[in-house]
PDB file of N, CA and C in Angstrom:
ATOM      1  N   UNK A   1     -30.313-105.280  49.655  1.00  0.00           N
ATOM      2  CA  UNK A   1     -31.071-104.123  49.233  1.00  0.00           C
ATOM      3  C   UNK A   1     -31.201-104.168  47.713  1.00  0.00           C
ATOM      4  N   UNK A   2     -32.331-103.735  47.232  1.00  0.00           N
ATOM      5  CA  UNK A   2     -32.583-103.644  45.798  1.00  0.00           C
ATOM      6  C   UNK A   2     -33.147-102.260  45.510  1.00  0.00           C
ATOM      7  N   UNK A   3     -32.936-101.792  44.310  1.00  0.00           N
ATOM      8  CA  UNK A   3     -33.498-100.509  43.896  1.00  0.00           C
ATOM      9  C   UNK A   3     -34.569-100.750  42.853  1.00  0.00           C
ATOM     10  N   UNK A   4     -35.678-100.085  43.026  1.00  0.00           N
ATOM     11  CA  UNK A   4     -36.762-100.128  42.063  1.00  0.00           C
ATOM     12  C   UNK A   4     -36.781 -98.776  41.364  1.00  0.00           C
ATOM     13  N   UNK A   5     -36.667 -98.776  40.043  1.00  0.00           N
ATOM     14  CA  UNK A   5     -36.725 -97.538  39.272  1.00  0.00           C
ATOM     15  C   UNK A   5     -38.079 -97.499  38.583  1.00  0.00           C
ATOM     16  N   UNK A   6     -38.741 -96.361  38.675  1.00  0.00           N
ATOM     17  CA  UNK A   6     -40.054 -96.271  38.046  1.00  0.00           C
ATOM     18  C   UNK A   6     -40.209 -94.936  37.335  1.00  0.00           C
ATOM     19  N   UNK A   7     -41.064 -94.933  36.357  1.00  0.00           N
ATOM     20  CA  UNK A   7     -41.388 -93.762  35.565  1.00  0.00           C
ATOM     21  C   UNK A   7     -42.877 -93.537  35.721  1.00  0.00           C
ATOM     22  N   UNK A   8     -43.259 -92.356  36.182  1.00  0.00           N
ATOM     23  CA  UNK A   8     -44.667 -92.109  36.468  1.00  0.00           C
ATOM     24  C   UNK A   8     -44.991 -90.626  36.309  1.00  0.00           C
ATOM     25  N   UNK A   9     -46.278 -90.331  36.256  1.00  0.00           N
ATOM     26  CA  UNK A   9     -46.699 -88.927  36.193  1.00  0.00           C
ATOM     27  C   UNK A   9     -46.682 -88.292  37.570  1.00  0.00           C
ATOM     28  N   UNK A  10     -46.854 -89.110  38.613  1.00  0.00           N
ATOM     29  CA  UNK A  10     -46.780 -88.584  39.981  1.00  0.00           C
ATOM     30  C   UNK A  10     -46.564 -89.745  40.942  1.00  0.00           C
ATOM     31  N   UNK A  11     -46.014 -89.423  42.089  1.00  0.00           N
ATOM     32  CA  UNK A  11     -45.848 -90.426  43.142  1.00  0.00           C
ATOM     33  C   UNK A  11     -46.272 -89.767  44.446  1.00  0.00           C
ATOM     34  N   UNK A  12     -47.061 -90.454  45.233  1.00  0.00           N
ATOM     35  CA  UNK A  12     -47.565 -89.876  46.478  1.00  0.00           C
ATOM     36  C   UNK A  12     -46.503 -89.814  47.560  1.00  0.00           C
ATOM     37  N   UNK A  13     -46.745 -89.000  48.559  1.00  0.00           N
ATOM     38  CA  UNK A  13     -45.826 -88.886  49.687  1.00  0.00           C
ATOM     39  C   UNK A  13     -45.784 -90.181  50.483  1.00  0.00           C
ATOM     40  N   UNK A  14     -46.800 -91.003  50.329  1.00  0.00           N
ATOM     41  CA  UNK A  14     -46.857 -92.242  51.105  1.00  0.00           C
ATOM     42  C   UNK A  14     -46.028 -93.361  50.478  1.00  0.00           C
ATOM     43  N   UNK A  15     -45.237 -93.045  49.474  1.00  0.00           N
ATOM     44  CA  UNK A  15     -44.436 -94.074  48.817  1.00  0.00           C
ATOM     45  C   UNK A  15     -43.396 -94.700  49.719  1.00  0.00           C
ATOM     46  N   UNK A  16     -42.801 -93.898  50.590  1.00  0.00           N
ATOM     47  CA  UNK A  16     -41.775 -94.428  51.492  1.00  0.00           C
ATOM     48  C   UNK A  16     -42.422 -95.206  52.625  1.00  0.00           C
ATOM     49  N   UNK A  17     -41.698 -96.155  53.139  1.00  0.00           N
ATOM     50  CA  UNK A  17     -42.100 -97.012  54.255  1.00  0.00           C
ATOM     51  C   UNK A  17     -43.334 -97.853  53.936  1.00  0.00           C
ATOM     52  N   UNK A  18     -43.491 -98.202  52.688  1.00  0.00           N
ATOM     53  CA  UNK A  18     -44.560 -99.094  52.275  1.00  0.00           C
ATOM     54  C   UNK A  18     -43.951-100.457  51.966  1.00  0.00           C
ATOM     55  N   UNK A  19     -44.717-101.500  52.209  1.00  0.00           N
ATOM     56  CA  UNK A  19     -44.243-102.849  51.893  1.00  0.00           C
ATOM     57  C   UNK A  19     -44.154-103.018  50.384  1.00  0.00           C
ATOM     58  N   UNK A  20     -43.183-103.790  49.950  1.00  0.00           N
ATOM     59  CA  UNK A  20     -43.000-104.010  48.522  1.00  0.00           C
ATOM     60  C   UNK A  20     -42.617-105.462  48.279  1.00  0.00           C
ATOM     61  N   UNK A  21     -43.185-106.011  47.235  1.00  0.00           N
ATOM     62  CA  UNK A  21     -42.810-107.353  46.782  1.00  0.00           C
ATOM     63  C   UNK A  21     -42.758-107.281  45.259  1.00  0.00           C
ATOM     64  N   UNK A  22     -41.602-107.444  44.707  1.00  0.00           N
ATOM     65  CA  UNK A  22     -41.441-107.303  43.270  1.00  0.00           C
ATOM     66  C   UNK A  22     -40.642-108.480  42.723  1.00  0.00           C
ATOM     67  N   UNK A  23     -40.966-108.852  41.501  1.00  0.00           N
ATOM     68  CA  UNK A  23     -40.164-109.830  40.784  1.00  0.00           C
ATOM     69  C   UNK A  23     -39.345-109.061  39.762  1.00  0.00           C
ATOM     70  N   UNK A  24     -38.034-109.206  39.845  1.00  0.00           N
ATOM     71  CA  UNK A  24     -37.129-108.453  38.987  1.00  0.00           C
ATOM     72  C   UNK A  24     -36.520-109.410  37.971  1.00  0.00           C
ATOM     73  N   UNK A  25     -36.515-109.009  36.726  1.00  0.00           N
ATOM     74  CA  UNK A  25     -35.859-109.795  35.678  1.00  0.00           C
ATOM     75  C   UNK A  25     -34.436-109.263  35.528  1.00  0.00           C
ATOM     76  N   UNK A  26     -33.488-110.191  35.598  1.00  0.00           N
ATOM     77  CA  UNK A  26     -32.087-109.794  35.495  1.00  0.00           C
ATOM     78  C   UNK A  26     -31.322-110.887  34.766  1.00  0.00           C
ATOM     79  N   UNK A  27     -30.710-110.549  33.649  1.00  0.00           N
ATOM     80  CA  UNK A  27     -29.941-111.495  32.840  1.00  0.00           C
ATOM     81  C   UNK A  27     -30.759-112.746  32.511  1.00  0.00           C
ATOM     82  N   UNK A  28     -32.000-112.552  32.125  1.00  0.00           N
ATOM     83  CA  UNK A  28     -32.842-113.659  31.707  1.00  0.00           C
ATOM     84  C   UNK A  28     -33.506-114.437  32.824  1.00  0.00           C
ATOM     85  N   UNK A  29     -33.125-114.191  34.073  1.00  0.00           N
ATOM     86  CA  UNK A  29     -33.730-114.900  35.196  1.00  0.00           C
ATOM     87  C   UNK A  29     -34.647-113.991  35.996  1.00  0.00           C
ATOM     88  N   UNK A  30     -35.311-114.582  36.960  1.00  0.00           N
ATOM     89  CA  UNK A  30     -36.197-113.817  37.831  1.00  0.00           C
ATOM     90  C   UNK A  30     -35.662-113.853  39.250  1.00  0.00           C
ATOM     91  N   UNK A  31     -35.869-112.767  39.957  1.00  0.00           N
ATOM     92  CA  UNK A  31     -35.469-112.685  41.361  1.00  0.00           C
ATOM     93  C   UNK A  31     -36.583-111.976  42.118  1.00  0.00           C
ATOM     94  N   UNK A  32     -37.091-112.610  43.159  1.00  0.00           N
ATOM     95  CA  UNK A  32     -38.155-112.012  43.957  1.00  0.00           C
ATOM     96  C   UNK A  32     -37.526-111.207  45.090  1.00  0.00           C
ATOM     97  N   UNK A  33     -38.004-109.981  45.272  1.00  0.00           N
ATOM     98  CA  UNK A  33     -37.489-109.087  46.305  1.00  0.00           C
ATOM     99  C   UNK A  33     -38.639-108.696  47.217  1.00  0.00           C
ATOM    100  N   UNK A  34     -38.483-108.936  48.513  1.00  0.00           N
ATOM    101  CA  UNK A  34     -39.469-108.533  49.513  1.00  0.00           C
ATOM    102  C   UNK A  34     -38.820-107.529  50.443  1.00  0.00           C
ATOM    103  N   UNK A  35     -39.558-106.508  50.831  1.00  0.00           N
ATOM    104  CA  UNK A  35     -39.005-105.538  51.760  1.00  0.00           C
ATOM    105  C   UNK A  35     -39.891-104.326  51.891  1.00  0.00           C
ATOM    106  N   UNK A  36     -39.258-103.242  52.279  1.00  0.00           N
ATOM    107  CA  UNK A  36     -39.957-101.990  52.526  1.00  0.00           C
ATOM    108  C   UNK A  36     -39.268-100.897  51.721  1.00  0.00           C
ATOM    109  N   UNK A  37     -40.051-100.046  51.079  1.00  0.00           N
ATOM    110  CA  UNK A  37     -39.495 -98.885  50.391  1.00  0.00           C
ATOM    111  C   UNK A  37     -39.072 -97.896  51.469  1.00  0.00           C
ATOM    112  N   UNK A  38     -37.773 -97.614  51.552  1.00  0.00           N
ATOM    113  CA  UNK A  38     -37.262 -96.767  52.637  1.00  0.00           C
ATOM    114  C   UNK A  38     -37.043 -95.320  52.222  1.00  0.00           C
ATOM    115  N   UNK A  39     -37.171 -95.011  50.953  1.00  0.00           N
ATOM    116  CA  UNK A  39     -37.013 -93.627  50.492  1.00  0.00           C
ATOM    117  C   UNK A  39     -37.601 -93.509  49.094  1.00  0.00           C
ATOM    118  N   UNK A  40     -37.876 -92.294  48.687  1.00  0.00           N
ATOM    119  CA  UNK A  40     -38.311 -92.005  47.323  1.00  0.00           C
ATOM    120  C   UNK A  40     -37.443 -90.857  46.834  1.00  0.00           C
ATOM    121  N   UNK A  41     -36.658 -91.103  45.785  1.00  0.00           N
ATOM    122  CA  UNK A  41     -35.763 -90.065  45.262  1.00  0.00           C
ATOM    123  C   UNK A  41     -36.091 -89.807  43.799  1.00  0.00           C
ATOM    124  N   UNK A  42     -36.357 -88.546  43.489  1.00  0.00           N
ATOM    125  CA  UNK A  42     -36.626 -88.186  42.106  1.00  0.00           C
ATOM    126  C   UNK A  42     -35.300 -88.071  41.365  1.00  0.00           C
ATOM    127  N   UNK A  43     -35.194 -88.770  40.254  1.00  0.00           N
ATOM    128  CA  UNK A  43     -33.967 -88.763  39.465  1.00  0.00           C
ATOM    129  C   UNK A  43     -33.994 -87.694  38.387  1.00  0.00           C
ATOM    130  N   UNK A  44     -35.176 -87.376  37.900  1.00  0.00           N
ATOM    131  CA  UNK A  44     -35.290 -86.369  36.850  1.00  0.00           C
ATOM    132  C   UNK A  44     -36.703 -86.321  36.322  1.00  0.00           C
ATOM    133  N   UNK A  45     -36.952 -85.346  35.477  1.00  0.00           N
ATOM    134  CA  UNK A  45     -38.279 -85.183  34.897  1.00  0.00           C
ATOM    135  C   UNK A  45     -38.129 -84.713  33.460  1.00  0.00           C
ATOM    136  N   UNK A  46     -39.057 -85.144  32.621  1.00  0.00           N
ATOM    137  CA  UNK A  46     -39.069 -84.732  31.227  1.00  0.00           C
ATOM    138  C   UNK A  46     -40.518 -84.696  30.775  1.00  0.00           C
ATOM    139  N   UNK A  47     -40.990 -83.524  30.455  1.00  0.00           N
ATOM    140  CA  UNK A  47     -42.386 -83.389  30.074  1.00  0.00           C
ATOM    141  C   UNK A  47     -43.277 -83.659  31.270  1.00  0.00           C
ATOM    142  N   UNK A  48     -44.210 -84.564  31.145  1.00  0.00           N
ATOM    143  CA  UNK A  48     -45.109 -84.883  32.244  1.00  0.00           C
ATOM    144  C   UNK A  48     -44.689 -86.096  33.052  1.00  0.00           C
ATOM    145  N   UNK A  49     -43.541 -86.689  32.714  1.00  0.00           N
ATOM    146  CA  UNK A  49     -43.095 -87.892  33.411  1.00  0.00           C
ATOM    147  C   UNK A  49     -41.903 -87.606  34.311  1.00  0.00           C
ATOM    148  N   UNK A  50     -41.882 -88.274  35.442  1.00  0.00           N
ATOM    149  CA  UNK A  50     -40.752 -88.177  36.367  1.00  0.00           C
ATOM    150  C   UNK A  50     -40.188 -89.567  36.602  1.00  0.00           C
ATOM    151  N   UNK A  51     -38.879 -89.623  36.799  1.00  0.00           N
ATOM    152  CA  UNK A  51     -38.192 -90.874  37.082  1.00  0.00           C
ATOM    153  C   UNK A  51     -37.834 -90.902  38.565  1.00  0.00           C
ATOM    154  N   UNK A  52     -38.119 -92.024  39.227  1.00  0.00           N
ATOM    155  CA  UNK A  52     -37.879 -92.152  40.660  1.00  0.00           C
ATOM    156  C   UNK A  52     -37.053 -93.392  40.956  1.00  0.00           C
ATOM    157  N   UNK A  53     -36.289 -93.312  42.018  1.00  0.00           N
ATOM    158  CA  UNK A  53     -35.548 -94.457  42.559  1.00  0.00           C
ATOM    159  C   UNK A  53     -36.134 -94.766  43.926  1.00  0.00           C
ATOM    160  N   UNK A  54     -36.542 -96.009  44.130  1.00  0.00           N
ATOM    161  CA  UNK A  54     -37.113 -96.443  45.399  1.00  0.00           C
ATOM    162  C   UNK A  54     -36.265 -97.589  45.945  1.00  0.00           C
ATOM    163  N   UNK A  55     -35.428 -97.328  46.951  1.00  0.00           N
ATOM    164  CA  UNK A  55     -34.663 -98.423  47.550  1.00  0.00           C
ATOM    165  C   UNK A  55     -35.585 -99.351  48.341  1.00  0.00           C
ATOM    166  N   UNK A  56     -35.425-100.649  48.146  1.00  0.00           N
ATOM    167  CA  UNK A  56     -36.191-101.646  48.891  1.00  0.00           C
ATOM    168  C   UNK A  56     -35.218-102.353  49.823  1.00  0.00           C
ATOM    169  N   UNK A  57     -35.504-102.297  51.118  1.00  0.00           N
ATOM    170  CA  UNK A  57     -34.652-102.913  52.127  1.00  0.00           C
ATOM    171  C   UNK A  57     -35.488-103.863  52.978  1.00  0.00           C
ATOM    172  N   UNK A  58     -34.838-104.763  53.714  1.00  0.00           N
ATOM    173  CA  UNK A  58     -35.590-105.615  54.639  1.00  0.00           C
ATOM    174  C   UNK A  58     -36.353-104.754  55.648  1.00  0.00           C
ATOM    175  N   UNK A  59     -37.476-105.251  56.123  1.00  0.00           N
ATOM    176  CA  UNK A  59     -38.310-104.478  57.053  1.00  0.00           C
ATOM    177  C   UNK A  59     -37.547-104.045  58.300  1.00  0.00           C
ATOM    178  N   UNK A  60     -36.580-104.834  58.730  1.00  0.00           N
ATOM    179  CA  UNK A  60     -35.816-104.463  59.926  1.00  0.00           C
ATOM    180  C   UNK A  60     -34.982-103.207  59.718  1.00  0.00           C
ATOM    181  N   UNK A  61     -34.797-102.770  58.474  1.00  0.00           N
ATOM    182  CA  UNK A  61     -34.072-101.519  58.222  1.00  0.00           C
ATOM    183  C   UNK A  61     -34.806-100.327  58.830  1.00  0.00           C
ATOM    184  N   UNK A  62     -36.110-100.464  59.067  1.00  0.00           N
ATOM    185  CA  UNK A  62     -36.875 -99.374  59.682  1.00  0.00           C
ATOM    186  C   UNK A  62     -36.423 -99.089  61.108  1.00  0.00           C
ATOM    187  N   UNK A  63     -35.747-100.038  61.733  1.00  0.00           N
ATOM    188  CA  UNK A  63     -35.265 -99.812  63.096  1.00  0.00           C
ATOM    189  C   UNK A  63     -34.253 -98.674  63.148  1.00  0.00           C
ATOM    190  N   UNK A  64     -33.602 -98.383  62.042  1.00  0.00           N
ATOM    191  CA  UNK A  64     -32.605 -97.307  62.005  1.00  0.00           C
ATOM    192  C   UNK A  64     -33.245 -95.930  62.165  1.00  0.00           C
ATOM    193  N   UNK A  65     -34.555 -95.830  61.989  1.00  0.00           N
ATOM    194  CA  UNK A  65     -35.233 -94.541  62.085  1.00  0.00           C
ATOM    195  C   UNK A  65     -35.693 -94.220  63.501  1.00  0.00           C
ATOM    196  N   UNK A  66     -35.375 -95.067  64.442  1.00  0.00           N
ATOM    197  CA  UNK A  66     -35.787 -94.839  65.829  1.00  0.00           C
ATOM    198  C   UNK A  66     -34.580 -95.013  66.738  1.00  0.00           C
ATOM    199  N   UNK A  67     -34.340 -94.046  67.569  1.00  0.00           N
ATOM    200  CA  UNK A  67     -33.251 -94.117  68.556  1.00  0.00           C
ATOM    201  C   UNK A  67     -33.875 -94.055  69.937  1.00  0.00           C
ATOM    202  N   UNK A  68     -33.350 -94.869  70.835  1.00  0.00           N
ATOM    203  CA  UNK A  68     -33.904 -94.894  72.181  1.00  0.00           C
ATOM    204  C   UNK A  68     -32.830 -95.290  73.184  1.00  0.00           C
ATOM    205  N   UNK A  69     -33.064 -94.945  74.418  1.00  0.00           N
ATOM    206  CA  UNK A  69     -32.186 -95.342  75.521  1.00  0.00           C
ATOM    207  C   UNK A  69     -33.007 -96.228  76.449  1.00  0.00           C
ATOM    208  N   UNK A  70     -32.437 -97.363  76.826  1.00  0.00           N
ATOM    209  CA  UNK A  70     -33.177 -98.301  77.670  1.00  0.00           C
ATOM    210  C   UNK A  70     -32.239 -99.010  78.618  1.00  0.00           C
ATOM    211  N   UNK A  71     -32.821 -99.493  79.688  1.00  0.00           N
ATOM    212  CA  UNK A  71     -32.092-100.315  80.652  1.00  0.00           C
ATOM    213  C   UNK A  71     -32.879-101.605  80.847  1.00  0.00           C
ATOM    214  N   UNK A  72     -32.194-102.716  80.726  1.00  0.00           N
ATOM    215  CA  UNK A  72     -32.787-104.026  80.972  1.00  0.00           C
ATOM    216  C   UNK A  72     -32.046-104.639  82.150  1.00  0.00           C
ATOM    217  N   UNK A  73     -32.794-105.213  83.085  1.00  0.00           N
ATOM    218  CA  UNK A  73     -32.183-105.857  84.245  1.00  0.00           C
ATOM    219  C   UNK A  73     -32.760-107.254  84.413  1.00  0.00           C
ATOM    220  N   UNK A  74     -31.881-108.190  84.721  1.00  0.00           N
ATOM    221  CA  UNK A  74     -32.253-109.578  84.978  1.00  0.00           C
ATOM    222  C   UNK A  74     -33.081-110.168  83.833  1.00  0.00           C
ATOM    223  N   UNK A  75     -32.623-109.954  82.595  1.00  0.00           N
ATOM    224  CA  UNK A  75     -33.278-110.536  81.427  1.00  0.00           C
ATOM    225  C   UNK A  75     -32.217-111.187  80.550  1.00  0.00           C
ATOM    226  N   UNK A  76     -32.604-112.236  79.845  1.00  0.00           N
ATOM    227  CA  UNK A  76     -31.673-112.882  78.920  1.00  0.00           C
ATOM    228  C   UNK A  76     -31.651-112.094  77.606  1.00  0.00           C
ATOM    229  N   UNK A  77     -30.593-112.281  76.840  1.00  0.00           N
ATOM    230  CA  UNK A  77     -30.475-111.578  75.564  1.00  0.00           C
ATOM    231  C   UNK A  77     -31.633-111.938  74.625  1.00  0.00           C
ATOM    232  N   UNK A  78     -32.012-113.221  74.472  1.00  0.00           N
ATOM    233  CA  UNK A  78     -33.165-113.523  73.619  1.00  0.00           C
ATOM    234  C   UNK A  78     -34.461-112.859  74.109  1.00  0.00           C
ATOM    235  N   UNK A  79     -34.634-112.729  75.423  1.00  0.00           N
ATOM    236  CA  UNK A  79     -35.831-112.067  75.946  1.00  0.00           C
ATOM    237  C   UNK A  79     -35.822-110.574  75.632  1.00  0.00           C
ATOM    238  N   UNK A  80     -34.644-109.958  75.688  1.00  0.00           N
ATOM    239  CA  UNK A  80     -34.527-108.535  75.343  1.00  0.00           C
ATOM    240  C   UNK A  80     -34.868-108.333  73.868  1.00  0.00           C
ATOM    241  N   UNK A  81     -34.306-109.183  73.010  1.00  0.00           N
ATOM    242  CA  UNK A  81     -34.587-109.087  71.578  1.00  0.00           C
ATOM    243  C   UNK A  81     -36.075-109.307  71.311  1.00  0.00           C
ATOM    244  N   UNK A  82     -36.677-110.297  71.957  1.00  0.00           N
ATOM    245  CA  UNK A  82     -38.106-110.579  71.770  1.00  0.00           C
ATOM    246  C   UNK A  82     -38.963-109.392  72.192  1.00  0.00           C
ATOM    247  N   UNK A  83     -38.606-108.745  73.281  1.00  0.00           N
ATOM    248  CA  UNK A  83     -39.366-107.587  73.756  1.00  0.00           C
ATOM    249  C   UNK A  83     -39.289-106.437  72.748  1.00  0.00           C
ATOM    250  N   UNK A  84     -38.102-106.178  72.232  1.00  0.00           N
ATOM    251  CA  UNK A  84     -37.928-105.088  71.264  1.00  0.00           C
ATOM    252  C   UNK A  84     -38.680-105.393  69.972  1.00  0.00           C
ATOM    253  N   UNK A  85     -38.568-106.625  69.474  1.00  0.00           N
ATOM    254  CA  UNK A  85     -39.268-107.001  68.247  1.00  0.00           C
ATOM    255  C   UNK A  85     -40.777-106.895  68.437  1.00  0.00           C
ATOM    256  N   UNK A  86     -41.298-107.350  69.567  1.00  0.00           N
ATOM    257  CA  UNK A  86     -42.738-107.279  69.819  1.00  0.00           C
ATOM    258  C   UNK A  86     -43.231-105.838  69.847  1.00  0.00           C
ATOM    259  N   UNK A  87     -42.465-104.941  70.455  1.00  0.00           N
ATOM    260  CA  UNK A  87     -42.847-103.523  70.481  1.00  0.00           C
ATOM    261  C   UNK A  87     -42.920-102.956  69.065  1.00  0.00           C
ATOM    262  N   UNK A  88     -41.947-103.306  68.230  1.00  0.00           N
ATOM    263  CA  UNK A  88     -41.954-102.809  66.850  1.00  0.00           C
ATOM    264  C   UNK A  88     -43.088-103.427  66.045  1.00  0.00           C
ATOM    265  N   UNK A  89     -43.367-104.701  66.255  1.00  0.00           N
ATOM    266  CA  UNK A  89     -44.474-105.334  65.535  1.00  0.00           C
ATOM    267  C   UNK A  89     -45.808-104.693  65.912  1.00  0.00           C
ATOM    268  N   UNK A  90     -45.947-104.284  67.170  1.00  0.00           N
ATOM    269  CA  UNK A  90     -47.204-103.684  67.627  1.00  0.00           C
ATOM    270  C   UNK A  90     -47.419-102.289  67.048  1.00  0.00           C
ATOM    271  N   UNK A  91     -46.332-101.561  66.782  1.00  0.00           N
ATOM    272  CA  UNK A  91     -46.483-100.165  66.359  1.00  0.00           C
ATOM    273  C   UNK A  91     -46.095 -99.906  64.910  1.00  0.00           C
ATOM    274  N   UNK A  92     -45.649-100.926  64.178  1.00  0.00           N
ATOM    275  CA  UNK A  92     -45.149-100.706  62.834  1.00  0.00           C
ATOM    276  C   UNK A  92     -45.698-101.785  61.892  1.00  0.00           C
ATOM    277  N   UNK A  93     -46.755-101.485  61.131  1.00  0.00           N
ATOM    278  CA  UNK A  93     -47.379-102.493  60.264  1.00  0.00           C
ATOM    279  C   UNK A  93     -46.429-103.185  59.281  1.00  0.00           C
ATOM    280  N   UNK A  94     -45.473-102.482  58.632  1.00  0.00           N
ATOM    281  CA  UNK A  94     -44.579-103.223  57.725  1.00  0.00           C
ATOM    282  C   UNK A  94     -43.743-104.282  58.436  1.00  0.00           C
ATOM    283  N   UNK A  95     -43.297-103.994  59.654  1.00  0.00           N
ATOM    284  CA  UNK A  95     -42.532-104.995  60.400  1.00  0.00           C
ATOM    285  C   UNK A  95     -43.454-106.134  60.824  1.00  0.00           C
ATOM    286  N   UNK A  96     -44.653-105.798  61.280  1.00  0.00           N
ATOM    287  CA  UNK A  96     -45.603-106.834  61.701  1.00  0.00           C
ATOM    288  C   UNK A  96     -45.955-107.767  60.543  1.00  0.00           C
ATOM    289  N   UNK A  97     -46.058-107.213  59.334  1.00  0.00           N
ATOM    290  CA  UNK A  97     -46.444-108.021  58.179  1.00  0.00           C
ATOM    291  C   UNK A  97     -45.316-108.905  57.662  1.00  0.00           C
ATOM    292  N   UNK A  98     -44.087-108.524  57.919  1.00  0.00           N
ATOM    293  CA  UNK A  98     -42.995-109.249  57.280  1.00  0.00           C
ATOM    294  C   UNK A  98     -41.994-109.896  58.227  1.00  0.00           C
ATOM    295  N   UNK A  99     -42.197-109.760  59.529  1.00  0.00           N
ATOM    296  CA  UNK A  99     -41.202-110.298  60.447  1.00  0.00           C
ATOM    297  C   UNK A  99     -41.883-110.901  61.655  1.00  0.00           C
ATOM    298  N   UNK A 100     -41.460-112.117  61.985  1.00  0.00           N
ATOM    299  CA  UNK A 100     -41.980-112.814  63.154  1.00  0.00           C
ATOM    300  C   UNK A 100     -40.809-113.493  63.844  1.00  0.00           C
ATOM    301  N   UNK A 101     -40.761-113.408  65.147  1.00  0.00           N
ATOM    302  CA  UNK A 101     -39.688-114.023  65.919  1.00  0.00           C
ATOM    303  C   UNK A 101     -40.234-115.273  66.597  1.00  0.00           C
ATOM    304  N   UNK A 102     -39.649-116.414  66.274  1.00  0.00           N
ATOM    305  CA  UNK A 102     -40.093-117.687  66.838  1.00  0.00           C
ATOM    306  C   UNK A 102     -39.036-118.186  67.811  1.00  0.00           C
ATOM    307  N   UNK A 103     -39.393-118.246  69.075  1.00  0.00           N
ATOM    308  CA  UNK A 103     -38.448-118.692  70.093  1.00  0.00           C
ATOM    309  C   UNK A 103     -38.738-120.105  70.583  1.00  0.00           C
ATOM    310  N   UNK A 104     -39.606-120.814  69.923  1.00  0.00           N
ATOM    311  CA  UNK A 104     -39.986-122.143  70.383  1.00  0.00           C
ATOM    312  C   UNK A 104     -38.863-123.163  70.249  1.00  0.00           C
ATOM    313  N   UNK A 105     -37.859-122.881  69.442  1.00  0.00           N
ATOM    314  CA  UNK A 105     -36.773-123.836  69.243  1.00  0.00           C
ATOM    315  C   UNK A 105     -35.718-123.773  70.339  1.00  0.00           C
ATOM    316  N   UNK A 106     -35.828-122.793  71.217  1.00  0.00           N
ATOM    317  CA  UNK A 106     -34.847-122.706  72.308  1.00  0.00           C
ATOM    318  C   UNK A 106     -35.021-123.897  73.236  1.00  0.00           C
ATOM    319  N   UNK A 107     -33.959-124.658  73.420  1.00  0.00           N
ATOM    320  CA  UNK A 107     -34.023-125.863  74.243  1.00  0.00           C
ATOM    321  C   UNK A 107     -33.788-125.564  75.717  1.00  0.00           C
ATOM    322  N   UNK A 108     -32.881-124.663  75.981  1.00  0.00           N
ATOM    323  CA  UNK A 108     -32.579-124.370  77.384  1.00  0.00           C
ATOM    324  C   UNK A 108     -32.642-122.874  77.613  1.00  0.00           C
ATOM    325  N   UNK A 109     -32.827-122.526  78.836  1.00  0.00           N
ATOM    326  CA  UNK A 109     -32.948-121.118  79.217  1.00  0.00           C
ATOM    327  C   UNK A 109     -31.559-120.478  79.238  1.00  0.00           C
ATOM    328  N   UNK A 110     -31.325-119.434  78.425  1.00  0.00           N
ATOM    329  CA  UNK A 110     -30.024-118.773  78.457  1.00  0.00           C
ATOM    330  C   UNK A 110     -29.848-117.981  79.752  1.00  0.00           C
ATOM    331  N   UNK A 111     -28.611-117.689  80.118  1.00  0.00           N
ATOM    332  CA  UNK A 111     -28.389-116.944  81.358  1.00  0.00           C
ATOM    333  C   UNK A 111     -28.927-115.517  81.257  1.00  0.00           C
ATOM    334  N   UNK A 112     -29.348-115.000  82.394  1.00  0.00           N
ATOM    335  CA  UNK A 112     -29.836-113.619  82.433  1.00  0.00           C
ATOM    336  C   UNK A 112     -28.663-112.666  82.568  1.00  0.00           C
ATOM    337  N   UNK A 113     -28.834-111.503  81.989  1.00  0.00           N
ATOM    338  CA  UNK A 113     -27.837-110.443  82.101  1.00  0.00           C
ATOM    339  C   UNK A 113     -28.266-109.561  83.265  1.00  0.00           C
ATOM    340  N   UNK A 114     -27.360-109.306  84.188  1.00  0.00           N
ATOM    341  CA  UNK A 114     -27.709-108.506  85.365  1.00  0.00           C
ATOM    342  C   UNK A 114     -28.117-107.092  84.970  1.00  0.00           C
ATOM    343  N   UNK A 115     -27.388-106.505  84.007  1.00  0.00           N
ATOM    344  CA  UNK A 115     -27.647-105.111  83.652  1.00  0.00           C
ATOM    345  C   UNK A 115     -27.242-104.899  82.195  1.00  0.00           C
ATOM    346  N   UNK A 116     -28.145-104.383  81.395  1.00  0.00           N
ATOM    347  CA  UNK A 116     -27.863-104.086  79.991  1.00  0.00           C
ATOM    348  C   UNK A 116     -28.369-102.679  79.706  1.00  0.00           C
ATOM    349  N   UNK A 117     -27.462-101.795  79.305  1.00  0.00           N
ATOM    350  CA  UNK A 117     -27.817-100.405  79.022  1.00  0.00           C
ATOM    351  C   UNK A 117     -27.656-100.160  77.528  1.00  0.00           C
ATOM    352  N   UNK A 118     -28.738 -99.844  76.862  1.00  0.00           N
ATOM    353  CA  UNK A 118     -28.713 -99.517  75.435  1.00  0.00           C
ATOM    354  C   UNK A 118     -28.863 -98.006  75.322  1.00  0.00           C
ATOM    355  N   UNK A 119     -27.786 -97.328  74.987  1.00  0.00           N
ATOM    356  CA  UNK A 119     -27.795 -95.867  74.943  1.00  0.00           C
ATOM    357  C   UNK A 119     -27.843 -95.392  73.497  1.00  0.00           C
ATOM    358  N   UNK A 120     -28.890 -94.678  73.146  1.00  0.00           N
ATOM    359  CA  UNK A 120     -29.076 -94.094  71.817  1.00  0.00           C
ATOM    360  C   UNK A 120     -28.895 -95.137  70.710  1.00  0.00           C
ATOM    361  N   UNK A 121     -29.454 -96.309  70.953  1.00  0.00           N
ATOM    362  CA  UNK A 121     -29.353 -97.390  69.979  1.00  0.00           C
ATOM    363  C   UNK A 121     -30.511 -97.309  68.996  1.00  0.00           C
ATOM    364  N   UNK A 122     -30.270 -97.777  67.789  1.00  0.00           N
ATOM    365  CA  UNK A 122     -31.357 -97.824  66.810  1.00  0.00           C
ATOM    366  C   UNK A 122     -32.069 -99.162  66.954  1.00  0.00           C
ATOM    367  N   UNK A 123     -33.028 -99.154  67.853  1.00  0.00           N
ATOM    368  CA  UNK A 123     -33.814-100.360  68.099  1.00  0.00           C
ATOM    369  C   UNK A 123     -35.236 -99.989  68.121  1.00  0.00           C
TER     370      UNK A 123
END
């Protein structure tokens, strides 16, 4: 996680959950940070300027904002993960833009789980 601090006259409500790619200078070097702005916090204001803190986290951090209960039967763990990721990619543009699951490297079929109950999980 990285924090982006900014000084501006205004920040829109749409600041959170937006994709972000920033190059940060730190101790003379550069560091590229990719992720999603997960919150916008005002630190203070002076005159017409306000200071904000914007945490940047990996796109998968957005999964914490959704809780669900599900039952999977006769599916392998990689298939369950693929199904959940595909659902999030279809309904969440920041995840779709920054995350892709490639299962082509699987050499053999993993065993199926007879019953998997995900209760109030953040998925």
